[in-house]
């Protein structure tokens, strides 16, 4: 089991800011879907650093991303 970031896409779509994608240190992990106007996580690539959570929740006060525990099968 390990932690990965998960975006609340409905909440994220109301802001459309893309700020979290600028701070993710792992390439092609936290991306933005222009059609749906929301960020999303390529969970197999996520290293669980939670930097995106810090940016979204602590700096921007939007709370659209949380860290969730997943098992290796997910």
PDB file of N, CA and C in Angstrom:
ATOM      1  N   UNK A   1       0.840  -1.179   0.000  1.00  0.00           N
ATOM      2  CA  UNK A   1       0.000   0.000   0.000  1.00  0.00           C
ATOM      3  C   UNK A   1       0.884   1.242   0.000  1.00  0.00           C
ATOM      4  N   UNK A   2       0.386   2.278  -0.658  1.00  0.00           N
ATOM      5  CA  UNK A   2       1.128   3.528  -0.733  1.00  0.00           C
ATOM      6  C   UNK A   2       0.146   4.667  -1.016  1.00  0.00           C
ATOM      7  N   UNK A   3       0.616   5.896  -0.879  1.00  0.00           N
ATOM      8  CA  UNK A   3      -0.218   7.073  -1.101  1.00  0.00           C
ATOM      9  C   UNK A   3      -0.019   7.637  -2.499  1.00  0.00           C
ATOM     10  N   UNK A   4      -1.115   8.096  -3.091  1.00  0.00           N
ATOM     11  CA  UNK A   4      -1.072   8.837  -4.355  1.00  0.00           C
ATOM     12  C   UNK A   4      -2.029  10.016  -4.240  1.00  0.00           C
ATOM     13  N   UNK A   5      -1.821  10.999  -5.093  1.00  0.00           N
ATOM     14  CA  UNK A   5      -2.719  12.150  -5.135  1.00  0.00           C
ATOM     15  C   UNK A   5      -3.965  11.789  -5.928  1.00  0.00           C
ATOM     16  N   UNK A   6      -5.096  12.335  -5.501  1.00  0.00           N
ATOM     17  CA  UNK A   6      -6.337  12.146  -6.246  1.00  0.00           C
ATOM     18  C   UNK A   6      -7.059  13.498  -6.291  1.00  0.00           C
ATOM     19  N   UNK A   7      -7.456  13.895  -7.486  1.00  0.00           N
ATOM     20  CA  UNK A   7      -8.100  15.189  -7.706  1.00  0.00           C
ATOM     21  C   UNK A   7      -9.614  15.029  -7.653  1.00  0.00           C
ATOM     22  N   UNK A   8     -10.274  15.927  -6.926  1.00  0.00           N
ATOM     23  CA  UNK A   8     -11.737  16.031  -6.980  1.00  0.00           C
ATOM     24  C   UNK A   8     -12.026  16.844  -8.234  1.00  0.00           C
ATOM     25  N   UNK A   9     -12.295  16.156  -9.332  1.00  0.00           N
ATOM     26  CA  UNK A   9     -12.396  16.807 -10.634  1.00  0.00           C
ATOM     27  C   UNK A   9     -13.545  17.807 -10.710  1.00  0.00           C
ATOM     28  N   UNK A  10     -14.630  17.523 -10.035  1.00  0.00           N
ATOM     29  CA  UNK A  10     -15.766  18.456 -10.059  1.00  0.00           C
ATOM     30  C   UNK A  10     -15.389  19.785  -9.395  1.00  0.00           C
ATOM     31  N   UNK A  11     -14.761  19.693  -8.241  1.00  0.00           N
ATOM     32  CA  UNK A  11     -14.339  20.903  -7.530  1.00  0.00           C
ATOM     33  C   UNK A  11     -13.245  21.635  -8.314  1.00  0.00           C
ATOM     34  N   UNK A  12     -12.287  20.884  -8.849  1.00  0.00           N
ATOM     35  CA  UNK A  12     -11.176  21.467  -9.605  1.00  0.00           C
ATOM     36  C   UNK A  12     -11.679  22.222 -10.836  1.00  0.00           C
ATOM     37  N   UNK A  13     -12.690  21.681 -11.497  1.00  0.00           N
ATOM     38  CA  UNK A  13     -13.212  22.298 -12.715  1.00  0.00           C
ATOM     39  C   UNK A  13     -13.800  23.682 -12.468  1.00  0.00           C
ATOM     40  N   UNK A  14     -14.172  23.992 -11.228  1.00  0.00           N
ATOM     41  CA  UNK A  14     -14.719  25.320 -10.939  1.00  0.00           C
ATOM     42  C   UNK A  14     -13.622  26.384 -10.918  1.00  0.00           C
ATOM     43  N   UNK A  15     -12.367  25.977 -10.692  1.00  0.00           N
ATOM     44  CA  UNK A  15     -11.261  26.936 -10.617  1.00  0.00           C
ATOM     45  C   UNK A  15     -10.458  27.042 -11.913  1.00  0.00           C
ATOM     46  N   UNK A  16     -10.203  25.916 -12.561  1.00  0.00           N
ATOM     47  CA  UNK A  16      -9.456  25.883 -13.834  1.00  0.00           C
ATOM     48  C   UNK A  16      -8.111  26.610 -13.745  1.00  0.00           C
ATOM     49  N   UNK A  17      -7.406  26.498 -12.646  1.00  0.00           N
ATOM     50  CA  UNK A  17      -6.195  27.308 -12.451  1.00  0.00           C
ATOM     51  C   UNK A  17      -4.915  26.658 -12.969  1.00  0.00           C
ATOM     52  N   UNK A  18      -4.823  25.339 -12.973  1.00  0.00           N
ATOM     53  CA  UNK A  18      -3.657  24.594 -13.464  1.00  0.00           C
ATOM     54  C   UNK A  18      -2.403  24.764 -12.604  1.00  0.00           C
ATOM     55  N   UNK A  19      -2.498  25.425 -11.477  1.00  0.00           N
ATOM     56  CA  UNK A  19      -1.306  25.702 -10.668  1.00  0.00           C
ATOM     57  C   UNK A  19      -0.629  24.435 -10.162  1.00  0.00           C
ATOM     58  N   UNK A  20      -1.395  23.445  -9.772  1.00  0.00           N
ATOM     59  CA  UNK A  20      -0.808  22.218  -9.235  1.00  0.00           C
ATOM     60  C   UNK A  20       0.076  21.525 -10.275  1.00  0.00           C
ATOM     61  N   UNK A  21      -0.300  21.611 -11.531  1.00  0.00           N
ATOM     62  CA  UNK A  21       0.468  20.942 -12.580  1.00  0.00           C
ATOM     63  C   UNK A  21       1.857  21.563 -12.741  1.00  0.00           C
ATOM     64  N   UNK A  22       2.006  22.805 -12.365  1.00  0.00           N
ATOM     65  CA  UNK A  22       3.297  23.487 -12.491  1.00  0.00           C
ATOM     66  C   UNK A  22       4.292  23.044 -11.428  1.00  0.00           C
ATOM     67  N   UNK A  23       3.813  22.519 -10.313  1.00  0.00           N
ATOM     68  CA  UNK A  23       4.683  22.185  -9.195  1.00  0.00           C
ATOM     69  C   UNK A  23       4.995  20.705  -9.049  1.00  0.00           C
ATOM     70  N   UNK A  24       4.293  19.839  -9.757  1.00  0.00           N
ATOM     71  CA  UNK A  24       4.540  18.404  -9.643  1.00  0.00           C
ATOM     72  C   UNK A  24       5.945  18.085 -10.156  1.00  0.00           C
ATOM     73  N   UNK A  25       6.788  17.463  -9.323  1.00  0.00           N
ATOM     74  CA  UNK A  25       8.164  17.183  -9.731  1.00  0.00           C
ATOM     75  C   UNK A  25       8.304  15.972 -10.654  1.00  0.00           C
ATOM     76  N   UNK A  26       7.269  15.178 -10.794  1.00  0.00           N
ATOM     77  CA  UNK A  26       7.337  13.966 -11.622  1.00  0.00           C
ATOM     78  C   UNK A  26       6.658  14.246 -12.975  1.00  0.00           C
ATOM     79  N   UNK A  27       7.418  14.179 -14.044  1.00  0.00           N
ATOM     80  CA  UNK A  27       6.895  14.481 -15.382  1.00  0.00           C
ATOM     81  C   UNK A  27       5.720  13.573 -15.749  1.00  0.00           C
ATOM     82  N   UNK A  28       4.745  14.165 -16.432  1.00  0.00           N
ATOM     83  CA  UNK A  28       3.575  13.435 -16.940  1.00  0.00           C
ATOM     84  C   UNK A  28       2.786  12.715 -15.848  1.00  0.00           C
ATOM     85  N   UNK A  29       2.695  13.335 -14.695  1.00  0.00           N
ATOM     86  CA  UNK A  29       1.954  12.738 -13.591  1.00  0.00           C
ATOM     87  C   UNK A  29       0.699  13.527 -13.256  1.00  0.00           C
ATOM     88  N   UNK A  30       0.847  14.790 -12.998  1.00  0.00           N
ATOM     89  CA  UNK A  30      -0.297  15.662 -12.705  1.00  0.00           C
ATOM     90  C   UNK A  30      -0.505  16.537 -13.927  1.00  0.00           C
ATOM     91  N   UNK A  31      -1.602  16.297 -14.620  1.00  0.00           N
ATOM     92  CA  UNK A  31      -1.821  16.978 -15.898  1.00  0.00           C
ATOM     93  C   UNK A  31      -3.178  17.660 -15.904  1.00  0.00           C
ATOM     94  N   UNK A  32      -3.424  18.447 -16.947  1.00  0.00           N
ATOM     95  CA  UNK A  32      -4.669  19.199 -17.055  1.00  0.00           C
ATOM     96  C   UNK A  32      -5.389  18.805 -18.327  1.00  0.00           C
ATOM     97  N   UNK A  33      -6.674  18.480 -18.196  1.00  0.00           N
ATOM     98  CA  UNK A  33      -7.520  18.127 -19.334  1.00  0.00           C
ATOM     99  C   UNK A  33      -8.271  19.387 -19.769  1.00  0.00           C
ATOM    100  N   UNK A  34      -7.906  19.926 -20.924  1.00  0.00           N
ATOM    101  CA  UNK A  34      -8.500  21.178 -21.419  1.00  0.00           C
ATOM    102  C   UNK A  34      -9.994  21.029 -21.715  1.00  0.00           C
ATOM    103  N   UNK A  35     -10.434  19.875 -22.175  1.00  0.00           N
ATOM    104  CA  UNK A  35     -11.851  19.683 -22.501  1.00  0.00           C
ATOM    105  C   UNK A  35     -12.731  19.670 -21.263  1.00  0.00           C
ATOM    106  N   UNK A  36     -12.256  19.006 -20.206  1.00  0.00           N
ATOM    107  CA  UNK A  36     -13.036  18.923 -18.967  1.00  0.00           C
ATOM    108  C   UNK A  36     -12.682  20.029 -17.981  1.00  0.00           C
ATOM    109  N   UNK A  37     -11.649  20.834 -18.285  1.00  0.00           N
ATOM    110  CA  UNK A  37     -11.193  21.931 -17.423  1.00  0.00           C
ATOM    111  C   UNK A  37     -10.851  21.477 -16.014  1.00  0.00           C
ATOM    112  N   UNK A  38     -10.111  20.369 -15.918  1.00  0.00           N
ATOM    113  CA  UNK A  38      -9.751  19.855 -14.601  1.00  0.00           C
ATOM    114  C   UNK A  38      -8.377  19.187 -14.656  1.00  0.00           C
ATOM    115  N   UNK A  39      -7.704  19.215 -13.527  1.00  0.00           N
ATOM    116  CA  UNK A  39      -6.451  18.474 -13.394  1.00  0.00           C
ATOM    117  C   UNK A  39      -6.793  17.013 -13.134  1.00  0.00           C
ATOM    118  N   UNK A  40      -5.846  16.142 -13.439  1.00  0.00           N
ATOM    119  CA  UNK A  40      -6.014  14.726 -13.129  1.00  0.00           C
ATOM    120  C   UNK A  40      -4.638  14.116 -12.883  1.00  0.00           C
ATOM    121  N   UNK A  41      -4.622  12.987 -12.188  1.00  0.00           N
ATOM    122  CA  UNK A  41      -3.372  12.337 -11.796  1.00  0.00           C
ATOM    123  C   UNK A  41      -3.217  11.020 -12.546  1.00  0.00           C
ATOM    124  N   UNK A  42      -2.064  10.823 -13.140  1.00  0.00           N
ATOM    125  CA  UNK A  42      -1.688   9.525 -13.696  1.00  0.00           C
ATOM    126  C   UNK A  42      -1.154   8.741 -12.497  1.00  0.00           C
ATOM    127  N   UNK A  43      -2.042   8.058 -11.790  1.00  0.00           N
ATOM    128  CA  UNK A  43      -1.713   7.470 -10.492  1.00  0.00           C
ATOM    129  C   UNK A  43      -0.530   6.503 -10.498  1.00  0.00           C
ATOM    130  N   UNK A  44      -0.323   5.686 -11.523  1.00  0.00           N
ATOM    131  CA  UNK A  44       0.853   4.809 -11.497  1.00  0.00           C
ATOM    132  C   UNK A  44       2.189   5.575 -11.468  1.00  0.00           C
ATOM    133  N   UNK A  45       2.203   6.823 -11.910  1.00  0.00           N
ATOM    134  CA  UNK A  45       3.428   7.625 -11.902  1.00  0.00           C
ATOM    135  C   UNK A  45       3.608   8.441 -10.629  1.00  0.00           C
ATOM    136  N   UNK A  46       2.541   8.624  -9.867  1.00  0.00           N
ATOM    137  CA  UNK A  46       2.591   9.473  -8.672  1.00  0.00           C
ATOM    138  C   UNK A  46       3.489   8.847  -7.611  1.00  0.00           C
ATOM    139  N   UNK A  47       4.405   9.650  -7.074  1.00  0.00           N
ATOM    140  CA  UNK A  47       5.349   9.197  -6.051  1.00  0.00           C
ATOM    141  C   UNK A  47       4.874   9.500  -4.633  1.00  0.00           C
ATOM    142  N   UNK A  48       3.735  10.186  -4.510  1.00  0.00           N
ATOM    143  CA  UNK A  48       3.169  10.445  -3.184  1.00  0.00           C
ATOM    144  C   UNK A  48       3.849  11.553  -2.409  1.00  0.00           C
ATOM    145  N   UNK A  49       4.471  12.498  -3.087  1.00  0.00           N
ATOM    146  CA  UNK A  49       5.190  13.571  -2.385  1.00  0.00           C
ATOM    147  C   UNK A  49       4.256  14.597  -1.745  1.00  0.00           C
ATOM    148  N   UNK A  50       3.018  14.699  -2.238  1.00  0.00           N
ATOM    149  CA  UNK A  50       1.989  15.608  -1.712  1.00  0.00           C
ATOM    150  C   UNK A  50       2.278  17.085  -1.957  1.00  0.00           C
ATOM    151  N   UNK A  51       3.185  17.409  -2.824  1.00  0.00           N
ATOM    152  CA  UNK A  51       3.449  18.812  -3.144  1.00  0.00           C
ATOM    153  C   UNK A  51       2.218  19.461  -3.766  1.00  0.00           C
ATOM    154  N   UNK A  52       1.496  18.729  -4.584  1.00  0.00           N
ATOM    155  CA  UNK A  52       0.277  19.259  -5.205  1.00  0.00           C
ATOM    156  C   UNK A  52      -0.780  19.586  -4.155  1.00  0.00           C
ATOM    157  N   UNK A  53      -0.862  18.773  -3.113  1.00  0.00           N
ATOM    158  CA  UNK A  53      -1.822  19.019  -2.037  1.00  0.00           C
ATOM    159  C   UNK A  53      -1.447  20.309  -1.319  1.00  0.00           C
ATOM    160  N   UNK A  54      -0.171  20.496  -1.075  1.00  0.00           N
ATOM    161  CA  UNK A  54       0.302  21.725  -0.426  1.00  0.00           C
ATOM    162  C   UNK A  54      -0.068  22.947  -1.261  1.00  0.00           C
ATOM    163  N   UNK A  55       0.193  22.879  -2.569  1.00  0.00           N
ATOM    164  CA  UNK A  55      -0.106  24.018  -3.446  1.00  0.00           C
ATOM    165  C   UNK A  55      -1.604  24.302  -3.470  1.00  0.00           C
ATOM    166  N   UNK A  56      -2.404  23.272  -3.692  1.00  0.00           N
ATOM    167  CA  UNK A  56      -3.850  23.453  -3.826  1.00  0.00           C
ATOM    168  C   UNK A  56      -4.519  23.821  -2.503  1.00  0.00           C
ATOM    169  N   UNK A  57      -4.170  23.128  -1.441  1.00  0.00           N
ATOM    170  CA  UNK A  57      -4.855  23.341  -0.165  1.00  0.00           C
ATOM    171  C   UNK A  57      -4.259  24.457   0.681  1.00  0.00           C
ATOM    172  N   UNK A  58      -2.958  24.427   0.875  1.00  0.00           N
ATOM    173  CA  UNK A  58      -2.335  25.400   1.782  1.00  0.00           C
ATOM    174  C   UNK A  58      -2.097  26.760   1.123  1.00  0.00           C
ATOM    175  N   UNK A  59      -1.582  26.765  -0.097  1.00  0.00           N
ATOM    176  CA  UNK A  59      -1.285  28.041  -0.748  1.00  0.00           C
ATOM    177  C   UNK A  59      -2.525  28.679  -1.379  1.00  0.00           C
ATOM    178  N   UNK A  60      -3.303  27.886  -2.114  1.00  0.00           N
ATOM    179  CA  UNK A  60      -4.441  28.438  -2.855  1.00  0.00           C
ATOM    180  C   UNK A  60      -5.776  28.329  -2.118  1.00  0.00           C
ATOM    181  N   UNK A  61      -5.819  27.530  -1.043  1.00  0.00           N
ATOM    182  CA  UNK A  61      -7.037  27.348  -0.226  1.00  0.00           C
ATOM    183  C   UNK A  61      -8.210  26.807  -1.043  1.00  0.00           C
ATOM    184  N   UNK A  62      -7.928  25.844  -1.937  1.00  0.00           N
ATOM    185  CA  UNK A  62      -8.985  25.293  -2.794  1.00  0.00           C
ATOM    186  C   UNK A  62      -9.360  23.859  -2.448  1.00  0.00           C
ATOM    187  N   UNK A  63      -8.490  23.112  -1.854  1.00  0.00           N
ATOM    188  CA  UNK A  63      -8.775  21.747  -1.370  1.00  0.00           C
ATOM    189  C   UNK A  63      -9.354  20.805  -2.429  1.00  0.00           C
ATOM    190  N   UNK A  64      -8.771  20.810  -3.614  1.00  0.00           N
ATOM    191  CA  UNK A  64      -9.251  19.943  -4.695  1.00  0.00           C
ATOM    192  C   UNK A  64      -8.475  18.632  -4.787  1.00  0.00           C
ATOM    193  N   UNK A  65      -7.367  18.520  -4.063  1.00  0.00           N
ATOM    194  CA  UNK A  65      -6.519  17.332  -4.154  1.00  0.00           C
ATOM    195  C   UNK A  65      -6.310  16.758  -2.764  1.00  0.00           C
ATOM    196  N   UNK A  66      -6.347  15.438  -2.684  1.00  0.00           N
ATOM    197  CA  UNK A  66      -6.064  14.761  -1.420  1.00  0.00           C
ATOM    198  C   UNK A  66      -5.171  13.555  -1.688  1.00  0.00           C
ATOM    199  N   UNK A  67      -4.487  13.115  -0.670  1.00  0.00           N
ATOM    200  CA  UNK A  67      -3.682  11.917  -0.769  1.00  0.00           C
ATOM    201  C   UNK A  67      -4.545  10.742  -0.319  1.00  0.00           C
ATOM    202  N   UNK A  68      -4.534   9.673  -1.096  1.00  0.00           N
ATOM    203  CA  UNK A  68      -5.322   8.481  -0.766  1.00  0.00           C
ATOM    204  C   UNK A  68      -4.430   7.256  -0.770  1.00  0.00           C
ATOM    205  N   UNK A  69      -4.760   6.313   0.087  1.00  0.00           N
ATOM    206  CA  UNK A  69      -4.015   5.062   0.175  1.00  0.00           C
ATOM    207  C   UNK A  69      -4.542   4.119  -0.905  1.00  0.00           C
ATOM    208  N   UNK A  70      -3.634   3.545  -1.681  1.00  0.00           N
ATOM    209  CA  UNK A  70      -4.016   2.546  -2.691  1.00  0.00           C
ATOM    210  C   UNK A  70      -3.194   1.291  -2.475  1.00  0.00           C
ATOM    211  N   UNK A  71      -3.722   0.199  -2.950  1.00  0.00           N
ATOM    212  CA  UNK A  71      -2.970  -1.058  -2.895  1.00  0.00           C
ATOM    213  C   UNK A  71      -2.315  -1.279  -4.247  1.00  0.00           C
ATOM    214  N   UNK A  72      -1.384  -2.178  -4.314  1.00  0.00           N
ATOM    215  CA  UNK A  72      -0.653  -2.440  -5.547  1.00  0.00           C
ATOM    216  C   UNK A  72      -1.565  -2.912  -6.668  1.00  0.00           C
ATOM    217  N   UNK A  73      -2.715  -3.483  -6.347  1.00  0.00           N
ATOM    218  CA  UNK A  73      -3.640  -3.994  -7.371  1.00  0.00           C
ATOM    219  C   UNK A  73      -4.401  -2.890  -8.066  1.00  0.00           C
ATOM    220  N   UNK A  74      -4.573  -1.697  -7.426  1.00  0.00           N
ATOM    221  CA  UNK A  74      -5.393  -0.629  -8.011  1.00  0.00           C
ATOM    222  C   UNK A  74      -4.746  -0.018  -9.202  1.00  0.00           C
TER     223      UNK A  74
END
